[in-house]
Amino acid sequence: MAYTNEDLKEKIDEMYPEITQHEITIGLDFSQEKNAYVVTLQKGAHELMTHLEKKDADDCMNDIKCVYLGVQIGQFVHNFELGK
């Protein structure tokens, strides 16, 4: 399945609306070495880096939510809200 980083970012934004709701910036870079996407979530000085396996990214593009990424996003939002 062929898609760009921007396509994947848009799909993640669509599947996880809390990213936009909390004005979180998301960055994606594909690591050939890890065969996974490095996902960076950032809001102000708060930052979280996690990995999204290629298969999970492919599933995401097919409208299948990635539980691991969802948990990471939820935890980031929760920690950010506590740190206000």
PDB file of N, CA and C in Angstrom:
ATOM      1  N   MET A   1       0.855  -1.174   0.000  1.00  0.00           N
ATOM      2  CA  MET A   1       0.000   0.000   0.000  1.00  0.00           C
ATOM      3  C   MET A   1       0.899   1.235   0.000  1.00  0.00           C
ATOM      4  N   ALA A   2       0.636   2.129  -0.936  1.00  0.00           N
ATOM      5  CA  ALA A   2       1.446   3.334  -1.062  1.00  0.00           C
ATOM      6  C   ALA A   2       0.678   4.548  -0.539  1.00  0.00           C
ATOM      7  N   TYR A   3       1.335   5.294   0.337  1.00  0.00           N
ATOM      8  CA  TYR A   3       0.782   6.537   0.869  1.00  0.00           C
ATOM      9  C   TYR A   3       1.940   7.373   1.384  1.00  0.00           C
ATOM     10  N   THR A   4       1.688   8.655   1.494  1.00  0.00           N
ATOM     11  CA  THR A   4       2.734   9.565   1.964  1.00  0.00           C
ATOM     12  C   THR A   4       2.621   9.749   3.481  1.00  0.00           C
ATOM     13  N   ASN A   5       3.653  10.340   4.044  1.00  0.00           N
ATOM     14  CA  ASN A   5       3.607  10.691   5.471  1.00  0.00           C
ATOM     15  C   ASN A   5       2.431  11.621   5.752  1.00  0.00           C
ATOM     16  N   GLU A   6       2.177  12.553   4.823  1.00  0.00           N
ATOM     17  CA  GLU A   6       1.082  13.506   4.989  1.00  0.00           C
ATOM     18  C   GLU A   6      -0.273  12.789   4.970  1.00  0.00           C
ATOM     19  N   ASP A   7      -0.422  11.797   4.083  1.00  0.00           N
ATOM     20  CA  ASP A   7      -1.655  11.006   4.049  1.00  0.00           C
ATOM     21  C   ASP A   7      -1.883  10.311   5.389  1.00  0.00           C
ATOM     22  N   LEU A   8      -0.828   9.714   5.927  1.00  0.00           N
ATOM     23  CA  LEU A   8      -0.934   9.003   7.207  1.00  0.00           C
ATOM     24  C   LEU A   8      -1.235   9.978   8.332  1.00  0.00           C
ATOM     25  N   LYS A   9      -0.586  11.119   8.332  1.00  0.00           N
ATOM     26  CA  LYS A   9      -0.833  12.123   9.361  1.00  0.00           C
ATOM     27  C   LYS A   9      -2.292  12.565   9.339  1.00  0.00           C
ATOM     28  N   GLU A  10      -2.814  12.822   8.148  1.00  0.00           N
ATOM     29  CA  GLU A  10      -4.219  13.231   8.023  1.00  0.00           C
ATOM     30  C   GLU A  10      -5.159  12.141   8.526  1.00  0.00           C
ATOM     31  N   LYS A  11      -4.839  10.882   8.240  1.00  0.00           N
ATOM     32  CA  LYS A  11      -5.673   9.772   8.689  1.00  0.00           C
ATOM     33  C   LYS A  11      -5.634   9.648  10.209  1.00  0.00           C
ATOM     34  N   ILE A  12      -4.459   9.816  10.801  1.00  0.00           N
ATOM     35  CA  ILE A  12      -4.337   9.759  12.264  1.00  0.00           C
ATOM     36  C   ILE A  12      -5.128  10.900  12.893  1.00  0.00           C
ATOM     37  N   ASP A  13      -5.021  12.094  12.336  1.00  0.00           N
ATOM     38  CA  ASP A  13      -5.796  13.242  12.826  1.00  0.00           C
ATOM     39  C   ASP A  13      -7.297  12.946  12.768  1.00  0.00           C
ATOM     40  N   GLU A  14      -7.727  12.308  11.686  1.00  0.00           N
ATOM     41  CA  GLU A  14      -9.142  11.974  11.502  1.00  0.00           C
ATOM     42  C   GLU A  14      -9.596  10.917  12.519  1.00  0.00           C
ATOM     43  N   MET A  15      -8.755   9.911  12.748  1.00  0.00           N
ATOM     44  CA  MET A  15      -9.131   8.799  13.631  1.00  0.00           C
ATOM     45  C   MET A  15      -9.040   9.168  15.111  1.00  0.00           C
ATOM     46  N   TYR A  16      -8.183  10.118  15.420  1.00  0.00           N
ATOM     47  CA  TYR A  16      -7.968  10.525  16.811  1.00  0.00           C
ATOM     48  C   TYR A  16      -8.205  12.027  16.930  1.00  0.00           C
ATOM     49  N   PRO A  17      -9.466  12.457  16.985  1.00  0.00           N
ATOM     50  CA  PRO A  17      -9.793  13.889  16.986  1.00  0.00           C
ATOM     51  C   PRO A  17      -9.251  14.646  18.204  1.00  0.00           C
ATOM     52  N   GLU A  18      -8.885  13.941  19.251  1.00  0.00           N
ATOM     53  CA  GLU A  18      -8.325  14.622  20.423  1.00  0.00           C
ATOM     54  C   GLU A  18      -7.013  15.333  20.089  1.00  0.00           C
ATOM     55  N   ILE A  19      -6.340  14.901  19.034  1.00  0.00           N
ATOM     56  CA  ILE A  19      -5.110  15.576  18.613  1.00  0.00           C
ATOM     57  C   ILE A  19      -5.430  17.026  18.242  1.00  0.00           C
ATOM     58  N   THR A  20      -6.421  17.203  17.410  1.00  0.00           N
ATOM     59  CA  THR A  20      -6.825  18.543  16.982  1.00  0.00           C
ATOM     60  C   THR A  20      -7.491  19.306  18.121  1.00  0.00           C
ATOM     61  N   GLN A  21      -8.348  18.626  18.880  1.00  0.00           N
ATOM     62  CA  GLN A  21      -9.070  19.268  19.978  1.00  0.00           C
ATOM     63  C   GLN A  21      -8.121  19.892  20.990  1.00  0.00           C
ATOM     64  N   HIS A  22      -6.988  19.247  21.219  1.00  0.00           N
ATOM     65  CA  HIS A  22      -6.032  19.738  22.213  1.00  0.00           C
ATOM     66  C   HIS A  22      -4.858  20.472  21.563  1.00  0.00           C
ATOM     67  N   GLU A  23      -4.993  20.773  20.271  1.00  0.00           N
ATOM     68  CA  GLU A  23      -3.976  21.527  19.524  1.00  0.00           C
ATOM     69  C   GLU A  23      -2.593  20.908  19.651  1.00  0.00           C
ATOM     70  N   ILE A  24      -2.550  19.595  19.503  1.00  0.00           N
ATOM     71  CA  ILE A  24      -1.295  18.843  19.558  1.00  0.00           C
ATOM     72  C   ILE A  24      -0.728  18.757  18.145  1.00  0.00           C
ATOM     73  N   THR A  25       0.563  18.978  18.030  1.00  0.00           N
ATOM     74  CA  THR A  25       1.252  18.859  16.757  1.00  0.00           C
ATOM     75  C   THR A  25       1.746  17.430  16.620  1.00  0.00           C
ATOM     76  N   ILE A  26       1.539  16.861  15.452  1.00  0.00           N
ATOM     77  CA  ILE A  26       2.004  15.498  15.215  1.00  0.00           C
ATOM     78  C   ILE A  26       3.019  15.510  14.075  1.00  0.00           C
ATOM     79  N   GLY A  27       4.117  14.804  14.287  1.00  0.00           N
ATOM     80  CA  GLY A  27       5.146  14.665  13.264  1.00  0.00           C
ATOM     81  C   GLY A  27       5.356  13.196  12.955  1.00  0.00           C
ATOM     82  N   LEU A  28       5.667  12.889  11.715  1.00  0.00           N
ATOM     83  CA  LEU A  28       5.904  11.508  11.286  1.00  0.00           C
ATOM     84  C   LEU A  28       7.159  11.429  10.441  1.00  0.00           C
ATOM     85  N   ASP A  29       7.982  10.468  10.730  1.00  0.00           N
ATOM     86  CA  ASP A  29       9.143  10.165   9.899  1.00  0.00           C
ATOM     87  C   ASP A  29       9.259   8.653   9.819  1.00  0.00           C
ATOM     88  N   PHE A  30       9.470   8.118   8.608  1.00  0.00           N
ATOM     89  CA  PHE A  30       9.636   6.682   8.471  1.00  0.00           C
ATOM     90  C   PHE A  30      11.088   6.310   8.690  1.00  0.00           C
ATOM     91  N   SER A  31      11.315   5.314   9.558  1.00  0.00           N
ATOM     92  CA  SER A  31      12.656   4.809   9.825  1.00  0.00           C
ATOM     93  C   SER A  31      12.846   3.502   9.057  1.00  0.00           C
ATOM     94  N   GLN A  32      13.713   3.527   8.042  1.00  0.00           N
ATOM     95  CA  GLN A  32      14.010   2.306   7.286  1.00  0.00           C
ATOM     96  C   GLN A  32      14.609   1.253   8.208  1.00  0.00           C
ATOM     97  N   GLU A  33      15.460   1.714   9.116  1.00  0.00           N
ATOM     98  CA  GLU A  33      16.146   0.810  10.039  1.00  0.00           C
ATOM     99  C   GLU A  33      15.157   0.022  10.901  1.00  0.00           C
ATOM    100  N   LYS A  34      14.124   0.700  11.399  1.00  0.00           N
ATOM    101  CA  LYS A  34      13.147   0.064  12.281  1.00  0.00           C
ATOM    102  C   LYS A  34      11.932  -0.461  11.524  1.00  0.00           C
ATOM    103  N   ASN A  35      11.809  -0.100  10.234  1.00  0.00           N
ATOM    104  CA  ASN A  35      10.637  -0.416   9.423  1.00  0.00           C
ATOM    105  C   ASN A  35       9.365   0.020  10.147  1.00  0.00           C
ATOM    106  N   ALA A  36       9.429   1.230  10.702  1.00  0.00           N
ATOM    107  CA  ALA A  36       8.320   1.787  11.473  1.00  0.00           C
ATOM    108  C   ALA A  36       8.364   3.307  11.359  1.00  0.00           C
ATOM    109  N   TYR A  37       7.226   3.910  11.648  1.00  0.00           N
ATOM    110  CA  TYR A  37       7.148   5.367  11.688  1.00  0.00           C
ATOM    111  C   TYR A  37       7.494   5.847  13.088  1.00  0.00           C
ATOM    112  N   VAL A  38       8.288   6.884  13.163  1.00  0.00           N
ATOM    113  CA  VAL A  38       8.550   7.560  14.427  1.00  0.00           C
ATOM    114  C   VAL A  38       7.516   8.676  14.501  1.00  0.00           C
ATOM    115  N   VAL A  39       6.658   8.592  15.522  1.00  0.00           N
ATOM    116  CA  VAL A  39       5.570   9.554  15.687  1.00  0.00           C
ATOM    117  C   VAL A  39       5.946  10.481  16.835  1.00  0.00           C
ATOM    118  N   THR A  40       5.897  11.773  16.583  1.00  0.00           N
ATOM    119  CA  THR A  40       6.193  12.770  17.608  1.00  0.00           C
ATOM    120  C   THR A  40       4.930  13.571  17.880  1.00  0.00           C
ATOM    121  N   LEU A  41       4.506  13.580  19.143  1.00  0.00           N
ATOM    122  CA  LEU A  41       3.378  14.401  19.580  1.00  0.00           C
ATOM    123  C   LEU A  41       3.952  15.531  20.409  1.00  0.00           C
ATOM    124  N   GLN A  42       3.522  16.764  20.122  1.00  0.00           N
ATOM    125  CA  GLN A  42       4.084  17.902  20.838  1.00  0.00           C
ATOM    126  C   GLN A  42       3.019  18.952  21.120  1.00  0.00           C
ATOM    127  N   LYS A  43       3.080  19.477  22.329  1.00  0.00           N
ATOM    128  CA  LYS A  43       2.241  20.607  22.734  1.00  0.00           C
ATOM    129  C   LYS A  43       3.098  21.446  23.668  1.00  0.00           C
ATOM    130  N   GLY A  44       3.470  22.624  23.217  1.00  0.00           N
ATOM    131  CA  GLY A  44       4.352  23.470  24.015  1.00  0.00           C
ATOM    132  C   GLY A  44       5.662  22.749  24.281  1.00  0.00           C
ATOM    133  N   ALA A  45       6.059  22.697  25.549  1.00  0.00           N
ATOM    134  CA  ALA A  45       7.312  22.051  25.930  1.00  0.00           C
ATOM    135  C   ALA A  45       7.145  20.540  26.111  1.00  0.00           C
ATOM    136  N   HIS A  46       5.920  20.045  26.040  1.00  0.00           N
ATOM    137  CA  HIS A  46       5.647  18.619  26.217  1.00  0.00           C
ATOM    138  C   HIS A  46       5.844  17.890  24.892  1.00  0.00           C
ATOM    139  N   GLU A  47       6.548  16.755  24.945  1.00  0.00           N
ATOM    140  CA  GLU A  47       6.803  15.987  23.736  1.00  0.00           C
ATOM    141  C   GLU A  47       6.825  14.502  24.064  1.00  0.00           C
ATOM    142  N   LEU A  48       6.257  13.712  23.150  1.00  0.00           N
ATOM    143  CA  LEU A  48       6.282  12.260  23.271  1.00  0.00           C
ATOM    144  C   LEU A  48       6.678  11.693  21.924  1.00  0.00           C
ATOM    145  N   MET A  49       7.642  10.786  21.915  1.00  0.00           N
ATOM    146  CA  MET A  49       8.020  10.080  20.697  1.00  0.00           C
ATOM    147  C   MET A  49       7.655   8.620  20.885  1.00  0.00           C
ATOM    148  N   THR A  50       7.017   8.047  19.872  1.00  0.00           N
ATOM    149  CA  THR A  50       6.647   6.642  19.906  1.00  0.00           C
ATOM    150  C   THR A  50       6.804   6.079  18.496  1.00  0.00           C
ATOM    151  N   HIS A  51       6.643   4.779  18.366  1.00  0.00           N
ATOM    152  CA  HIS A  51       6.770   4.130  17.065  1.00  0.00           C
ATOM    153  C   HIS A  51       5.425   3.577  16.623  1.00  0.00           C
ATOM    154  N   LEU A  52       5.192   3.605  15.333  1.00  0.00           N
ATOM    155  CA  LEU A  52       4.012   3.011  14.723  1.00  0.00           C
ATOM    156  C   LEU A  52       4.528   2.024  13.684  1.00  0.00           C
ATOM    157  N   GLU A  53       4.334   0.738  13.966  1.00  0.00           N
ATOM    158  CA  GLU A  53       4.818  -0.292  13.055  1.00  0.00           C
ATOM    159  C   GLU A  53       4.176  -0.120  11.681  1.00  0.00           C
ATOM    160  N   LYS A  54       4.894  -0.501  10.641  1.00  0.00           N
ATOM    161  CA  LYS A  54       4.408  -0.360   9.266  1.00  0.00           C
ATOM    162  C   LYS A  54       3.051  -1.035   9.096  1.00  0.00           C
ATOM    163  N   LYS A  55       2.871  -2.232   9.653  1.00  0.00           N
ATOM    164  CA  LYS A  55       1.592  -2.932   9.531  1.00  0.00           C
ATOM    165  C   LYS A  55       0.475  -2.130  10.193  1.00  0.00           C
ATOM    166  N   ASP A  56       0.751  -1.545  11.358  1.00  0.00           N
ATOM    167  CA  ASP A  56      -0.249  -0.725  12.039  1.00  0.00           C
ATOM    168  C   ASP A  56      -0.579   0.528  11.223  1.00  0.00           C
ATOM    169  N   ALA A  57       0.422   1.108  10.582  1.00  0.00           N
ATOM    170  CA  ALA A  57       0.182   2.274   9.730  1.00  0.00           C
ATOM    171  C   ALA A  57      -0.685   1.876   8.537  1.00  0.00           C
ATOM    172  N   ASP A  58      -0.394   0.716   7.948  1.00  0.00           N
ATOM    173  CA  ASP A  58      -1.213   0.220   6.840  1.00  0.00           C
ATOM    174  C   ASP A  58      -2.655   0.009   7.294  1.00  0.00           C
ATOM    175  N   ASP A  59      -2.831  -0.592   8.482  1.00  0.00           N
ATOM    176  CA  ASP A  59      -4.172  -0.794   9.031  1.00  0.00           C
ATOM    177  C   ASP A  59      -4.879   0.539   9.237  1.00  0.00           C
ATOM    178  N   CYS A  60      -4.152   1.511   9.758  1.00  0.00           N
ATOM    179  CA  CYS A  60      -4.714   2.838   9.989  1.00  0.00           C
ATOM    180  C   CYS A  60      -5.242   3.420   8.676  1.00  0.00           C
ATOM    181  N   MET A  61      -4.485   3.280   7.613  1.00  0.00           N
ATOM    182  CA  MET A  61      -4.907   3.799   6.321  1.00  0.00           C
ATOM    183  C   MET A  61      -6.148   3.065   5.806  1.00  0.00           C
ATOM    184  N   ASN A  62      -6.401   1.866   6.340  1.00  0.00           N
ATOM    185  CA  ASN A  62      -7.599   1.091   5.980  1.00  0.00           C
ATOM    186  C   ASN A  62      -8.698   1.254   7.025  1.00  0.00           C
ATOM    187  N   ASP A  63      -8.615   2.337   7.803  1.00  0.00           N
ATOM    188  CA  ASP A  63      -9.629   2.683   8.812  1.00  0.00           C
ATOM    189  C   ASP A  63      -9.703   1.714   9.985  1.00  0.00           C
ATOM    190  N   ILE A  64      -8.593   1.050  10.295  1.00  0.00           N
ATOM    191  CA  ILE A  64      -8.522   0.187  11.474  1.00  0.00           C
ATOM    192  C   ILE A  64      -7.666   0.916  12.500  1.00  0.00           C
ATOM    193  N   LYS A  65      -8.274   1.242  13.647  1.00  0.00           N
ATOM    194  CA  LYS A  65      -7.548   1.996  14.673  1.00  0.00           C
ATOM    195  C   LYS A  65      -6.412   1.174  15.261  1.00  0.00           C
ATOM    196  N   CYS A  66      -5.314   1.837  15.507  1.00  0.00           N
ATOM    197  CA  CYS A  66      -4.162   1.228  16.164  1.00  0.00           C
ATOM    198  C   CYS A  66      -4.318   1.461  17.663  1.00  0.00           C
ATOM    199  N   VAL A  67      -4.559   0.396  18.406  1.00  0.00           N
ATOM    200  CA  VAL A  67      -4.795   0.516  19.839  1.00  0.00           C
ATOM    201  C   VAL A  67      -3.587   1.120  20.541  1.00  0.00           C
ATOM    202  N   TYR A  68      -2.389   0.658  20.205  1.00  0.00           N
ATOM    203  CA  TYR A  68      -1.181   1.152  20.862  1.00  0.00           C
ATOM    204  C   TYR A  68      -1.030   2.657  20.673  1.00  0.00           C
ATOM    205  N   LEU A  69      -1.226   3.137  19.431  1.00  0.00           N
ATOM    206  CA  LEU A  69      -1.093   4.574  19.181  1.00  0.00           C
ATOM    207  C   LEU A  69      -2.178   5.344  19.916  1.00  0.00           C
ATOM    208  N   GLY A  70      -3.391   4.819  19.924  1.00  0.00           N
ATOM    209  CA  GLY A  70      -4.489   5.459  20.645  1.00  0.00           C
ATOM    210  C   GLY A  70      -4.204   5.605  22.121  1.00  0.00           C
ATOM    211  N   VAL A  71      -3.612   4.566  22.720  1.00  0.00           N
ATOM    212  CA  VAL A  71      -3.245   4.621  24.136  1.00  0.00           C
ATOM    213  C   VAL A  71      -2.177   5.682  24.360  1.00  0.00           C
ATOM    214  N   GLN A  72      -1.186   5.742  23.482  1.00  0.00           N
ATOM    215  CA  GLN A  72      -0.116   6.737  23.609  1.00  0.00           C
ATOM    216  C   GLN A  72      -0.674   8.157  23.493  1.00  0.00           C
ATOM    217  N   ILE A  73      -1.583   8.363  22.548  1.00  0.00           N
ATOM    218  CA  ILE A  73      -2.195   9.684  22.386  1.00  0.00           C
ATOM    219  C   ILE A  73      -3.006  10.035  23.628  1.00  0.00           C
ATOM    220  N   GLY A  74      -3.818   9.082  24.107  1.00  0.00           N
ATOM    221  CA  GLY A  74      -4.623   9.307  25.307  1.00  0.00           C
ATOM    222  C   GLY A  74      -3.773   9.635  26.515  1.00  0.00           C
ATOM    223  N   GLN A  75      -2.665   8.932  26.684  1.00  0.00           N
ATOM    224  CA  GLN A  75      -1.772   9.183  27.819  1.00  0.00           C
ATOM    225  C   GLN A  75      -1.118  10.551  27.705  1.00  0.00           C
ATOM    226  N   PHE A  76      -0.721  10.933  26.496  1.00  0.00           N
ATOM    227  CA  PHE A  76      -0.115  12.249  26.280  1.00  0.00           C
ATOM    228  C   PHE A  76      -1.105  13.348  26.645  1.00  0.00           C
ATOM    229  N   VAL A  77      -2.350  13.219  26.164  1.00  0.00           N
ATOM    230  CA  VAL A  77      -3.376  14.221  26.458  1.00  0.00           C
ATOM    231  C   VAL A  77      -3.616  14.282  27.959  1.00  0.00           C
ATOM    232  N   HIS A  78      -3.730  13.112  28.594  1.00  0.00           N
ATOM    233  CA  HIS A  78      -3.960  13.058  30.035  1.00  0.00           C
ATOM    234  C   HIS A  78      -2.821  13.737  30.800  1.00  0.00           C
ATOM    235  N   ASN A  79      -1.589  13.412  30.460  1.00  0.00           N
ATOM    236  CA  ASN A  79      -0.440  14.008  31.150  1.00  0.00           C
ATOM    237  C   ASN A  79      -0.367  15.507  30.893  1.00  0.00           C
ATOM    238  N   PHE A  80      -0.687  15.923  29.679  1.00  0.00           N
ATOM    239  CA  PHE A  80      -0.666  17.345  29.366  1.00  0.00           C
ATOM    240  C   PHE A  80      -1.721  18.089  30.184  1.00  0.00           C
ATOM    241  N   GLU A  81      -2.920  17.522  30.259  1.00  0.00           N
ATOM    242  CA  GLU A  81      -4.000  18.164  31.013  1.00  0.00           C
ATOM    243  C   GLU A  81      -3.644  18.270  32.495  1.00  0.00           C
ATOM    244  N   LEU A  82      -2.980  17.247  33.046  1.00  0.00           N
ATOM    245  CA  LEU A  82      -2.580  17.295  34.464  1.00  0.00           C
ATOM    246  C   LEU A  82      -1.517  18.351  34.694  1.00  0.00           C
ATOM    247  N   GLY A  83      -0.682  18.582  33.677  1.00  0.00           N
ATOM    248  CA  GLY A  83       0.428  19.520  33.824  1.00  0.00           C
ATOM    249  C   GLY A  83       0.082  20.958  33.581  1.00  0.00           C
ATOM    250  N   LYS A  84      -1.159  21.259  33.279  1.00  0.00           N
ATOM    251  CA  LYS A  84      -1.550  22.648  32.998  1.00  0.00           C
ATOM    252  C   LYS A  84      -1.278  23.566  34.167  1.00  0.00           C
TER     253      LYS A  84
END
